[in-house]
Each structure stands twice: as C-alpha cells, then as structure tokens.
Amino acid sequence: MYATTQFYTSLTNGDFPVIVSLARHDIDLAKAALDAGATAIKTHLNAYHRATDRTFGTFEQERPFFEELAKLGCPLLVMAGQEVVPSEAEMDALHDLGFQGFNVYVDHLQPHLLKSKLRPMPALASTSTPEDLQRIAAIPGCIIEASIMTFDRYRTAMTEDDLARYKAIVDAVDVPVILPSQLALTPADARRLREIGIAAPLLGAIVTGDTAESMFKAVSGIVTA
C-alpha cells in the first residue's frame, strides 16, 4: 500500500536515522539539519506546537515553504494537524511534493487520512493506554511516535524509568517506534535509545534550538554518537 522507501527501510533495519522536526518553517534550519547528517525533515500543518509556542497554518498557507523544502530532495514528514487536518486532495498534493509520512495524535486520526499515499505515523500521547498502542500497531504499514511525556517533563533529563517506558512500547509492538525529543536528549541518550530498539530519534526545538548554528551542533552531536 505504501512505498518501501530508503527512509522506511532505514527505520526497519536498525540504521537509526535522525529525523529533525523544524522549530519554525525556515529553510536555513532545514539545510543546517541536513548538513549535520539528518536523514529526514518533519514539518507541521494546522497545529499549535506546544514546545515552541508556535502556530502552523493550513496547507495553502504553508505550501510555499513546502515547495521550497521539497527542492532539498530529502525525505519529508508532516504533522498534519489536530482537530483540523488536510483534505484528501491536500494529502495527494503533499505526496506529490515528496512527503512520505504523516503524523497526528491517535485521537485526531480521521479515516480519510489512511486512504492517502503517505505512510501513517500516529502518535501516542501522555494519556494514551496500552489499548491505544495496540490500535495504532494494527494499522497496516504504520510507524508509531511515542510522544508520551507530560508537559511538565519537557526539557528535563531522561531517567531510567523513562527508558524503561520507551522499551516497553518497543517490546509491545512489531512496527518501528520513533521518539520525539520532549526530553533534553543527549548523544549518550541517543545511544541508549538505539540499544533498546527505538527506530529513530525525532529531534525538535528542545534539543536543536531555533538557530541554524544550534541546529547543526545538536544534530551533528547525535549523528556522530
């Protein structure tokens, strides 16, 4: 149903590709991430992003940036929205631009999104249950985003208990699990996440900052590790 891309293969074979979620729609941030060794770039639509206190617009509003981003030639992923998500036609347009996967919280997963050519990457929330996890894992071809930290934990250090929670998710399913940097992940943390079977880190503003310089430094440190 979905294309088996080089990026998806890297998630399933243990390559541990680094994904970067842009703090804002800025082409220099994306270039810095790729120059530092990131494999894929994630962007946002129809959403308020809590970690950066930033609101992202509709597909038509963000399309000029997406068209510019597509010229970089890397795998692209999109957080597709919250209560509002793209239409079927907009999902087709995203695919035509080179987007390979879409992400929404599991509670916002509308049926028409699963009809698109973009691979689904539903996200667990801090309130998600084991039943939610299994419901996502049952979606053919999916990837799971383990976005399970409460907001009060944002920017704090990863603990042994956190690592155990992440491992429990990985062990409970047979699909790739990617991990967003809600915590202040370090290169050493990245190595441990790879060891427990996380398919890829998803580095956002908490780790990367919001300048090209901070982006390059943070991403290159984790790629090297």
Protein backbone atom coordinates (compact mmCIF):
# COMPACT_ATOMS: atom_id res chain seq x y z
CA MET A 1 0.00 0.00 0.00
CA TYR A 2 2.82 2.39 0.85
CA ALA A 3 6.10 2.78 -0.98
CA THR A 4 9.01 0.98 0.68
CA THR A 5 11.37 3.93 0.54
CA GLN A 6 15.02 4.02 1.52
CA PHE A 7 14.00 6.04 4.56
CA TYR A 8 11.42 3.47 5.71
CA THR A 9 13.95 0.69 5.19
CA SER A 10 16.41 2.56 7.39
CA LEU A 11 13.79 2.58 10.16
CA THR A 12 13.29 -1.16 9.98
CA ASN A 13 16.87 -2.37 9.58
CA GLY A 14 18.46 -0.67 12.59
CA ASP A 15 20.20 2.21 10.81
CA PHE A 16 18.79 4.68 13.39
CA PRO A 17 18.30 7.64 11.01
CA VAL A 18 17.97 11.05 12.64
CA ILE A 19 14.74 12.93 11.92
CA VAL A 20 14.54 16.67 12.62
CA SER A 21 11.30 18.48 13.43
CA LEU A 22 11.67 22.14 12.45
CA ALA A 23 11.12 24.70 15.20
CA ARG A 24 9.78 27.03 12.54
CA HIS A 25 9.37 26.88 8.79
CA ASP A 26 12.81 28.21 7.88
CA ILE A 27 14.80 26.74 5.00
CA ASP A 28 18.12 27.56 6.69
CA LEU A 29 17.14 25.41 9.68
CA ALA A 30 16.36 22.52 7.34
CA LYS A 31 19.67 22.94 5.48
CA ALA A 32 21.61 23.03 8.75
CA ALA A 33 19.94 19.81 9.89
CA LEU A 34 20.80 18.02 6.65
CA ASP A 35 24.35 19.39 6.65
CA ALA A 36 24.74 17.94 10.15
CA GLY A 37 23.69 14.49 8.99
CA ALA A 38 19.92 14.36 9.49
CA THR A 39 18.11 11.96 7.17
CA ALA A 40 14.57 13.37 7.15
CA ILE A 41 12.77 16.62 7.93
CA LYS A 42 9.40 16.91 9.67
CA THR A 43 7.16 19.97 9.31
CA HIS A 44 3.76 21.00 10.67
CA LEU A 45 0.25 21.92 9.49
CA ASN A 46 -2.95 23.04 11.21
CA ALA A 47 -1.35 22.85 14.62
CA TYR A 48 -0.27 24.65 17.76
CA HIS A 49 3.17 23.38 18.75
CA ARG A 50 3.46 23.50 22.48
CA ALA A 51 7.23 23.18 22.80
CA THR A 52 7.81 26.29 20.68
CA ASP A 53 4.56 28.19 21.37
CA ARG A 54 4.10 28.47 17.61
CA THR A 55 1.04 28.02 15.42
CA PHE A 56 1.36 26.47 11.96
CA GLY A 57 -1.16 27.28 9.24
CA THR A 58 -3.20 25.45 6.63
CA PHE A 59 -1.80 23.63 3.63
CA GLU A 60 -2.40 26.61 1.36
CA GLN A 61 -0.69 28.93 3.82
CA GLU A 62 2.33 26.68 4.28
CA ARG A 63 2.58 25.40 0.71
CA PRO A 64 5.17 27.95 -0.50
CA PHE A 65 7.56 26.75 2.20
CA PHE A 66 6.85 23.10 1.42
CA GLU A 67 7.63 23.71 -2.25
CA GLU A 68 10.95 25.28 -1.26
CA LEU A 69 11.68 22.45 1.17
CA ALA A 70 10.96 19.82 -1.48
CA LYS A 71 13.88 21.16 -3.53
CA LEU A 72 16.29 19.84 -0.87
CA GLY A 73 15.47 16.30 -2.01
CA CYS A 74 15.31 14.66 1.44
CA PRO A 75 12.52 12.51 2.90
CA LEU A 76 9.76 14.77 4.23
CA LEU A 77 7.24 14.07 7.00
CA VAL A 78 4.35 16.23 8.18
CA MET A 79 2.48 16.66 11.43
CA ALA A 80 -0.85 17.01 9.63
CA GLY A 81 -2.94 18.76 12.27
CA GLN A 82 -5.12 18.47 15.32
CA GLU A 83 -8.88 18.99 15.07
CA VAL A 84 -8.34 20.26 11.51
CA VAL A 85 -6.40 18.01 9.11
CA PRO A 86 -5.71 18.14 5.36
CA SER A 87 -8.34 17.08 2.85
CA GLU A 88 -7.80 14.07 0.60
CA ALA A 89 -6.74 16.40 -2.21
CA GLU A 90 -4.25 18.14 0.08
CA MET A 91 -2.81 14.80 1.18
CA ASP A 92 -2.32 13.93 -2.50
CA ALA A 93 -0.59 17.27 -3.04
CA LEU A 94 1.73 16.61 -0.11
CA HIS A 95 2.66 13.25 -1.61
CA ASP A 96 3.35 14.90 -4.96
CA LEU A 97 5.73 17.29 -3.18
CA GLY A 98 7.72 14.37 -1.81
CA PHE A 99 6.20 13.85 1.63
CA GLN A 100 6.45 10.21 2.68
CA GLY A 101 4.59 10.11 6.00
CA PHE A 102 2.05 11.99 8.08
CA ASN A 103 1.67 12.28 11.82
CA VAL A 104 -1.28 13.10 14.08
CA TYR A 105 -2.15 12.16 17.62
CA VAL A 106 -4.17 8.97 17.64
CA ASP A 107 -7.30 10.84 18.82
CA HIS A 108 -7.13 13.05 15.70
CA LEU A 109 -6.72 10.21 13.20
CA GLN A 110 -9.54 10.74 10.70
CA PRO A 111 -10.39 7.83 8.36
CA HIS A 112 -9.68 9.67 5.09
CA LEU A 113 -6.06 10.20 6.13
CA LEU A 114 -5.47 6.45 5.92
CA LYS A 115 -6.54 6.48 2.28
CA SER A 116 -3.58 8.64 1.27
CA LYS A 117 -0.21 7.51 -0.07
CA LEU A 118 1.55 8.99 2.97
CA ARG A 119 2.59 6.37 5.50
CA PRO A 120 0.72 6.86 8.82
CA MET A 121 2.75 7.73 11.92
CA PRO A 122 0.10 8.07 14.67
CA ALA A 123 1.37 9.47 17.95
CA LEU A 124 0.74 8.22 21.43
CA ALA A 125 0.01 10.95 23.97
CA SER A 126 0.77 11.14 27.68
CA THR A 127 -2.79 9.93 28.31
CA SER A 128 -2.67 7.01 25.86
CA THR A 129 -3.42 3.49 27.06
CA PRO A 130 -1.99 0.08 26.10
CA GLU A 131 -5.16 -0.35 24.05
CA ASP A 132 -4.29 2.81 22.08
CA LEU A 133 -0.85 1.39 21.39
CA GLN A 134 -2.26 -1.85 20.03
CA ARG A 135 -4.87 0.05 18.00
CA ILE A 136 -2.10 2.02 16.27
CA ALA A 137 0.11 -1.03 15.77
CA ALA A 138 -2.77 -2.76 13.95
CA ILE A 139 -2.77 -0.10 11.21
CA PRO A 140 -1.07 -1.69 8.17
CA GLY A 141 2.31 -0.17 7.37
CA CYS A 142 2.34 2.26 10.28
CA ILE A 143 5.09 3.87 12.31
CA ILE A 144 4.45 4.86 15.94
CA GLU A 145 5.56 8.13 17.52
CA ALA A 146 5.98 7.71 21.28
CA SER A 147 5.05 11.24 22.36
CA ILE A 148 4.22 10.15 25.90
CA MET A 149 5.71 12.78 28.20
CA THR A 150 3.55 15.21 30.14
CA PHE A 151 4.31 18.89 29.57
CA ASP A 152 5.90 19.28 33.00
CA ARG A 153 8.60 16.81 31.87
CA TYR A 154 9.55 18.77 28.77
CA ARG A 155 13.23 19.83 28.71
CA THR A 156 14.14 17.55 31.64
CA ALA A 157 16.74 14.78 31.62
CA MET A 158 15.86 11.23 30.56
CA THR A 159 15.67 8.85 33.53
CA GLU A 160 15.94 5.09 33.86
CA ASP A 161 12.17 4.96 34.30
CA ASP A 162 11.69 6.87 31.05
CA LEU A 163 13.97 4.44 29.24
CA ALA A 164 12.01 1.52 30.65
CA ARG A 165 8.72 3.07 29.45
CA TYR A 166 10.12 3.53 25.97
CA LYS A 167 11.42 -0.04 25.90
CA ALA A 168 8.02 -1.37 26.97
CA ILE A 169 6.46 0.32 23.95
CA VAL A 170 9.07 -1.08 21.58
CA ASP A 171 8.70 -4.57 23.04
CA ALA A 172 4.89 -4.48 22.77
CA VAL A 173 4.72 -3.93 19.01
CA ASP A 174 6.38 -5.13 15.82
CA VAL A 175 6.37 -1.80 13.97
CA PRO A 176 9.01 0.98 14.02
CA VAL A 177 8.83 3.35 17.01
CA ILE A 178 10.25 6.84 16.70
CA LEU A 179 10.93 9.01 19.71
CA PRO A 180 10.37 12.79 19.80
CA SER A 181 12.73 14.85 21.91
CA GLN A 182 10.28 16.04 24.51
CA LEU A 183 13.11 15.44 26.97
CA ALA A 184 16.55 17.07 26.79
CA LEU A 185 18.08 14.13 24.94
CA THR A 186 21.86 13.92 24.78
CA PRO A 187 24.15 11.94 22.44
CA ALA A 188 24.56 9.36 25.23
CA ASP A 189 20.75 9.09 25.49
CA ALA A 190 20.55 8.50 21.75
CA ARG A 191 22.94 5.57 22.00
CA ARG A 192 20.81 4.00 24.75
CA LEU A 193 17.60 4.55 22.79
CA ARG A 194 19.13 2.74 19.83
CA GLU A 195 20.13 -0.14 22.10
CA ILE A 196 16.53 -0.66 23.30
CA GLY A 197 15.21 -0.73 19.74
CA ILE A 198 13.95 2.79 19.05
CA ALA A 199 13.93 3.11 15.26
CA ALA A 200 14.85 6.80 15.11
CA PRO A 201 15.11 9.91 17.26
CA LEU A 202 12.91 12.84 16.24
CA LEU A 203 14.81 15.93 17.31
CA GLY A 204 12.78 19.07 17.94
CA ALA A 205 13.42 22.51 19.34
CA ILE A 206 14.09 21.30 22.89
CA VAL A 207 17.27 19.67 21.59
CA THR A 208 18.04 21.63 18.42
CA GLY A 209 17.25 25.18 19.50
CA ASP A 210 15.93 27.57 16.87
CA THR A 211 19.01 28.81 15.03
CA ALA A 212 21.00 27.21 12.23
CA GLU A 213 24.07 27.16 14.46
CA SER A 214 22.36 25.41 17.37
CA MET A 215 20.68 23.02 14.93
CA PHE A 216 23.97 21.97 13.34
CA LYS A 217 25.69 21.49 16.68
CA ALA A 218 22.91 19.42 18.26
CA VAL A 219 22.19 17.22 15.26
CA SER A 220 25.83 16.53 14.42
CA GLY A 221 26.49 15.52 18.03
CA ILE A 222 23.72 12.94 17.98
CA VAL A 223 24.51 11.70 14.47
CA THR A 224 28.14 11.18 15.49
CA ALA A 225 27.12 9.36 18.67
